[in-house]
């Protein structure tokens, strides 16, 4: 019985120490995770200050790209060298691809949805140029220009659709 009483005494002394140890452990664990979260927040806030101008610059560059590859502006800027439809088609597509490749590195600063929209606008514009060039009624470079411009007088160009999406994203950043 004396042994049991001795064990009970030790347990009575150890129980408060164990409880204090457990409480201290969870307190310090919560405190360190809170401090880590605060440091992460401060780093993110500092990083965002540096990234926002880069992201806005990327959106500006893609806005310029979409404006430059808009068919009505593209065809006014790029005059045909001859009346050969195939040569003019290749010249237009080459200009679109060059503009795109010039800005391709900026994709890391924009969202993947916006990038997909820009890429789709570029591809759709190229498809329209190719499809129009394959039309039997189009027999000269001048006729190709007129047909494409006429096509986009009636509907919104892929570039304008992507530009609207891009503007929405920039508005969300602000």
C-alpha atoms as a PDB file:
ATOM      1  CA  UNK A   1       0.000   0.000   0.000  1.00  0.00           C
ATOM      2  CA  UNK A   2       2.876   2.275   0.765  1.00  0.00           C
ATOM      3  CA  UNK A   3       4.247   1.745  -2.766  1.00  0.00           C
ATOM      4  CA  UNK A   4       0.898   2.675  -4.238  1.00  0.00           C
ATOM      5  CA  UNK A   5       0.778   5.809  -2.144  1.00  0.00           C
ATOM      6  CA  UNK A   6       4.316   6.687  -3.241  1.00  0.00           C
ATOM      7  CA  UNK A   7       3.390   6.222  -6.925  1.00  0.00           C
ATOM      8  CA  UNK A   8       0.260   8.283  -6.384  1.00  0.00           C
ATOM      9  CA  UNK A   9       2.361  11.072  -4.834  1.00  0.00           C
ATOM     10  CA  UNK A  10       4.776  11.051  -7.789  1.00  0.00           C
ATOM     11  CA  UNK A  11       1.875  11.105 -10.177  1.00  0.00           C
ATOM     12  CA  UNK A  12       0.321  14.026  -8.264  1.00  0.00           C
ATOM     13  CA  UNK A  13       3.579  15.950  -8.658  1.00  0.00           C
ATOM     14  CA  UNK A  14       4.076  14.967 -12.316  1.00  0.00           C
ATOM     15  CA  UNK A  15       0.528  15.616 -13.557  1.00  0.00           C
ATOM     16  CA  UNK A  16       0.678  19.411 -13.309  1.00  0.00           C
ATOM     17  CA  UNK A  17       4.121  19.416 -14.938  1.00  0.00           C
ATOM     18  CA  UNK A  18       2.840  17.269 -17.825  1.00  0.00           C
ATOM     19  CA  UNK A  19      -0.217  19.504 -18.276  1.00  0.00           C
ATOM     20  CA  UNK A  20       1.969  22.647 -18.238  1.00  0.00           C
ATOM     21  CA  UNK A  21       4.355  21.012 -20.735  1.00  0.00           C
ATOM     22  CA  UNK A  22       1.510  20.119 -23.129  1.00  0.00           C
ATOM     23  CA  UNK A  23      -0.011  23.602 -22.878  1.00  0.00           C
ATOM     24  CA  UNK A  24       3.402  25.209 -23.460  1.00  0.00           C
ATOM     25  CA  UNK A  25       4.056  22.944 -26.451  1.00  0.00           C
ATOM     26  CA  UNK A  26       0.765  23.904 -28.171  1.00  0.00           C
ATOM     27  CA  UNK A  27       1.205  27.562 -27.273  1.00  0.00           C
ATOM     28  CA  UNK A  28       4.685  27.736 -28.799  1.00  0.00           C
ATOM     29  CA  UNK A  29       3.600  25.679 -31.797  1.00  0.00           C
ATOM     30  CA  UNK A  30       0.753  28.139 -32.469  1.00  0.00           C
ATOM     31  CA  UNK A  31       3.025  31.088 -31.866  1.00  0.00           C
ATOM     32  CA  UNK A  32       5.725  29.873 -34.283  1.00  0.00           C
ATOM     33  CA  UNK A  33       3.194  29.037 -37.003  1.00  0.00           C
ATOM     34  CA  UNK A  34       1.624  32.472 -36.544  1.00  0.00           C
ATOM     35  CA  UNK A  35       5.047  34.131 -36.851  1.00  0.00           C
ATOM     36  CA  UNK A  36       5.820  32.071 -39.935  1.00  0.00           C
ATOM     37  CA  UNK A  37       2.512  33.116 -41.494  1.00  0.00           C
ATOM     38  CA  UNK A  38       3.224  36.750 -40.695  1.00  0.00           C
ATOM     39  CA  UNK A  39       6.684  36.524 -42.294  1.00  0.00           C
ATOM     40  CA  UNK A  40       5.181  34.860 -45.360  1.00  0.00           C
ATOM     41  CA  UNK A  41       2.570  37.620 -45.600  1.00  0.00           C
ATOM     42  CA  UNK A  42       5.227  40.336 -45.369  1.00  0.00           C
ATOM     43  CA  UNK A  43       7.352  38.626 -48.039  1.00  0.00           C
ATOM     44  CA  UNK A  44       4.338  38.255 -50.304  1.00  0.00           C
ATOM     45  CA  UNK A  45       3.401  41.893 -49.789  1.00  0.00           C
ATOM     46  CA  UNK A  46       6.942  43.013 -50.618  1.00  0.00           C
ATOM     47  CA  UNK A  47       7.078  40.724 -53.635  1.00  0.00           C
ATOM     48  CA  UNK A  48       3.739  42.030 -54.871  1.00  0.00           C
ATOM     49  CA  UNK A  49       5.089  45.596 -54.798  1.00  0.00           C
ATOM     50  CA  UNK A  50       7.859  44.516 -57.141  1.00  0.00           C
ATOM     51  CA  UNK A  51       5.710  42.255 -59.330  1.00  0.00           C
ATOM     52  CA  UNK A  52       2.777  44.577 -59.970  1.00  0.00           C
ATOM     53  CA  UNK A  53       4.708  46.909 -62.302  1.00  0.00           C
ATOM     54  CA  UNK A  54       6.073  43.894 -64.207  1.00  0.00           C
ATOM     55  CA  UNK A  55       2.619  42.381 -64.546  1.00  0.00           C
ATOM     56  CA  UNK A  56       1.147  45.672 -65.719  1.00  0.00           C
ATOM     57  CA  UNK A  57       3.955  46.032 -68.234  1.00  0.00           C
ATOM     58  CA  UNK A  58       3.182  42.533 -69.560  1.00  0.00           C
ATOM     59  CA  UNK A  59      -0.499  43.426 -69.907  1.00  0.00           C
ATOM     60  CA  UNK A  60       0.512  46.617 -71.733  1.00  0.00           C
ATOM     61  CA  UNK A  61       2.724  44.644 -74.127  1.00  0.00           C
ATOM     62  CA  UNK A  62      -0.051  42.161 -74.871  1.00  0.00           C
ATOM     63  CA  UNK A  63      -2.500  45.023 -75.365  1.00  0.00           C
ATOM     64  CA  UNK A  64      -0.130  46.449 -77.939  1.00  0.00           C
ATOM     65  CA  UNK A  65       0.245  42.999 -79.521  1.00  0.00           C
ATOM     66  CA  UNK A  66      -3.516  42.523 -79.788  1.00  0.00           C
ATOM     67  CA  UNK A  67      -3.917  45.988 -81.268  1.00  0.00           C
ATOM     68  CA  UNK A  68      -1.169  45.348 -83.810  1.00  0.00           C
ATOM     69  CA  UNK A  69      -2.581  41.983 -84.945  1.00  0.00           C
ATOM     70  CA  UNK A  70      -6.153  43.217 -85.175  1.00  0.00           C
ATOM     71  CA  UNK A  71      -6.930  42.533 -88.852  1.00  0.00           C
ATOM     72  CA  UNK A  72      -8.082  46.041 -89.745  1.00  0.00           C
ATOM     73  CA  UNK A  73      -4.899  47.607 -88.321  1.00  0.00           C
ATOM     74  CA  UNK A  74      -2.630  44.807 -89.490  1.00  0.00           C
ATOM     75  CA  UNK A  75      -3.755  45.047 -93.107  1.00  0.00           C
ATOM     76  CA  UNK A  76      -3.449  48.824 -93.169  1.00  0.00           C
ATOM     77  CA  UNK A  77       0.074  48.610 -91.770  1.00  0.00           C
ATOM     78  CA  UNK A  78       1.251  45.774 -94.046  1.00  0.00           C
ATOM     79  CA  UNK A  79       0.910  46.617 -97.695  1.00  0.00           C
ATOM     80  CA  UNK A  80       1.335  43.867-100.293  1.00  0.00           C
ATOM     81  CA  UNK A  81       4.572  43.823-102.287  1.00  0.00           C
ATOM     82  CA  UNK A  82       2.817  42.290-105.281  1.00  0.00           C
ATOM     83  CA  UNK A  83      -0.631  41.016-106.216  1.00  0.00           C
ATOM     84  CA  UNK A  84       0.298  37.405-105.338  1.00  0.00           C
ATOM     85  CA  UNK A  85      -2.247  36.160-102.778  1.00  0.00           C
ATOM     86  CA  UNK A  86       0.005  33.444-101.349  1.00  0.00           C
ATOM     87  CA  UNK A  87       2.934  35.815-100.856  1.00  0.00           C
ATOM     88  CA  UNK A  88       0.716  38.366 -99.121  1.00  0.00           C
ATOM     89  CA  UNK A  89      -0.868  35.679 -96.930  1.00  0.00           C
ATOM     90  CA  UNK A  90       2.601  34.501 -95.853  1.00  0.00           C
ATOM     91  CA  UNK A  91       3.678  38.083 -95.193  1.00  0.00           C
ATOM     92  CA  UNK A  92       0.664  38.721 -92.947  1.00  0.00           C
ATOM     93  CA  UNK A  93       1.114  35.458 -91.024  1.00  0.00           C
ATOM     94  CA  UNK A  94       4.842  36.082 -90.683  1.00  0.00           C
ATOM     95  CA  UNK A  95       4.145  39.507 -89.165  1.00  0.00           C
ATOM     96  CA  UNK A  96       1.638  38.044 -86.697  1.00  0.00           C
ATOM     97  CA  UNK A  97       4.114  35.344 -85.657  1.00  0.00           C
ATOM     98  CA  UNK A  98       6.945  37.870 -85.260  1.00  0.00           C
ATOM     99  CA  UNK A  99       4.799  40.107 -83.072  1.00  0.00           C
ATOM    100  CA  UNK A 100       3.807  37.091 -80.998  1.00  0.00           C
ATOM    101  CA  UNK A 101       7.365  35.796 -80.583  1.00  0.00           C
ATOM    102  CA  UNK A 102       8.537  39.265 -79.616  1.00  0.00           C
ATOM    103  CA  UNK A 103       6.181  39.221 -76.612  1.00  0.00           C
ATOM    104  CA  UNK A 104       6.196  35.521 -75.735  1.00  0.00           C
ATOM    105  CA  UNK A 105       8.357  35.879 -72.617  1.00  0.00           C
ATOM    106  CA  UNK A 106       5.743  38.152 -71.040  1.00  0.00           C
ATOM    107  CA  UNK A 107       3.418  35.179 -70.547  1.00  0.00           C
ATOM    108  CA  UNK A 108       4.995  34.418 -67.171  1.00  0.00           C
ATOM    109  CA  UNK A 109       3.469  37.584 -65.733  1.00  0.00           C
ATOM    110  CA  UNK A 110      -0.142  36.995 -66.798  1.00  0.00           C
ATOM    111  CA  UNK A 111      -2.686  34.349 -65.879  1.00  0.00           C
ATOM    112  CA  UNK A 112      -2.915  31.158 -67.890  1.00  0.00           C
ATOM    113  CA  UNK A 113      -6.509  31.975 -68.898  1.00  0.00           C
ATOM    114  CA  UNK A 114      -5.413  35.309 -70.324  1.00  0.00           C
ATOM    115  CA  UNK A 115      -2.482  33.674 -72.095  1.00  0.00           C
ATOM    116  CA  UNK A 116      -4.804  31.064 -73.620  1.00  0.00           C
ATOM    117  CA  UNK A 117      -7.138  33.821 -74.784  1.00  0.00           C
ATOM    118  CA  UNK A 118      -4.291  35.750 -76.436  1.00  0.00           C
ATOM    119  CA  UNK A 119      -2.939  32.604 -78.060  1.00  0.00           C
ATOM    120  CA  UNK A 120      -6.419  31.705 -79.318  1.00  0.00           C
ATOM    121  CA  UNK A 121      -6.856  35.220 -80.760  1.00  0.00           C
ATOM    122  CA  UNK A 122      -3.577  34.926 -82.631  1.00  0.00           C
ATOM    123  CA  UNK A 123      -4.460  31.489 -84.001  1.00  0.00           C
ATOM    124  CA  UNK A 124      -7.983  32.561 -84.963  1.00  0.00           C
ATOM    125  CA  UNK A 125      -6.640  35.582 -86.834  1.00  0.00           C
ATOM    126  CA  UNK A 126      -4.188  33.381 -88.737  1.00  0.00           C
ATOM    127  CA  UNK A 127      -6.997  30.914 -89.546  1.00  0.00           C
ATOM    128  CA  UNK A 128      -9.186  33.687 -90.906  1.00  0.00           C
ATOM    129  CA  UNK A 129      -6.362  34.969 -93.097  1.00  0.00           C
ATOM    130  CA  UNK A 130      -5.691  31.457 -94.428  1.00  0.00           C
ATOM    131  CA  UNK A 131      -9.357  30.675 -94.947  1.00  0.00           C
ATOM    132  CA  UNK A 132      -9.923  33.939 -96.797  1.00  0.00           C
ATOM    133  CA  UNK A 133      -6.835  33.399 -98.968  1.00  0.00           C
ATOM    134  CA  UNK A 134      -8.161  29.976 -99.992  1.00  0.00           C
ATOM    135  CA  UNK A 135     -11.425  31.514-101.196  1.00  0.00           C
ATOM    136  CA  UNK A 136     -11.705  31.226-104.975  1.00  0.00           C
ATOM    137  CA  UNK A 137     -13.119  34.750-105.297  1.00  0.00           C
ATOM    138  CA  UNK A 138      -9.926  36.185-103.836  1.00  0.00           C
ATOM    139  CA  UNK A 139      -7.569  36.449-106.794  1.00  0.00           C
ATOM    140  CA  UNK A 140      -5.249  39.279-105.737  1.00  0.00           C
ATOM    141  CA  UNK A 141      -3.584  40.641-102.610  1.00  0.00           C
ATOM    142  CA  UNK A 142      -5.769  43.738-102.761  1.00  0.00           C
ATOM    143  CA  UNK A 143      -8.889  41.587-102.898  1.00  0.00           C
ATOM    144  CA  UNK A 144      -7.595  39.590 -99.905  1.00  0.00           C
ATOM    145  CA  UNK A 145      -7.197  42.801 -97.900  1.00  0.00           C
ATOM    146  CA  UNK A 146     -10.662  44.022 -98.849  1.00  0.00           C
ATOM    147  CA  UNK A 147     -12.314  40.687 -98.045  1.00  0.00           C
ATOM    148  CA  UNK A 148     -10.702  40.394 -94.605  1.00  0.00           C
ATOM    149  CA  UNK A 149     -11.480  44.017 -93.706  1.00  0.00           C
ATOM    150  CA  UNK A 150     -15.062  43.555 -94.878  1.00  0.00           C
ATOM    151  CA  UNK A 151     -15.353  40.377 -92.806  1.00  0.00           C
ATOM    152  CA  UNK A 152     -14.417  42.262 -89.626  1.00  0.00           C
ATOM    153  CA  UNK A 153     -16.720  45.180 -90.283  1.00  0.00           C
ATOM    154  CA  UNK A 154     -19.595  42.807 -89.555  1.00  0.00           C
ATOM    155  CA  UNK A 155     -18.211  41.050 -86.469  1.00  0.00           C
ATOM    156  CA  UNK A 156     -15.825  41.505 -83.563  1.00  0.00           C
ATOM    157  CA  UNK A 157     -12.279  40.333 -84.258  1.00  0.00           C
ATOM    158  CA  UNK A 158     -10.600  37.711 -82.062  1.00  0.00           C
ATOM    159  CA  UNK A 159      -8.110  40.383 -81.012  1.00  0.00           C
ATOM    160  CA  UNK A 160     -10.882  42.618 -79.685  1.00  0.00           C
ATOM    161  CA  UNK A 161     -12.422  39.714 -77.724  1.00  0.00           C
ATOM    162  CA  UNK A 162      -9.042  38.926 -76.150  1.00  0.00           C
ATOM    163  CA  UNK A 163      -8.469  42.614 -75.448  1.00  0.00           C
ATOM    164  CA  UNK A 164     -11.771  42.816 -73.543  1.00  0.00           C
ATOM    165  CA  UNK A 165     -10.726  39.808 -71.458  1.00  0.00           C
ATOM    166  CA  UNK A 166      -7.314  41.369 -70.824  1.00  0.00           C
ATOM    167  CA  UNK A 167      -8.924  44.623 -69.662  1.00  0.00           C
ATOM    168  CA  UNK A 168     -11.121  42.700 -67.226  1.00  0.00           C
ATOM    169  CA  UNK A 169      -8.065  41.041 -65.703  1.00  0.00           C
ATOM    170  CA  UNK A 170      -6.247  44.338 -65.307  1.00  0.00           C
ATOM    171  CA  UNK A 171      -9.335  45.816 -63.634  1.00  0.00           C
ATOM    172  CA  UNK A 172      -9.248  42.933 -61.137  1.00  0.00           C
ATOM    173  CA  UNK A 173      -5.596  43.700 -60.341  1.00  0.00           C
ATOM    174  CA  UNK A 174      -6.418  47.246 -59.368  1.00  0.00           C
END
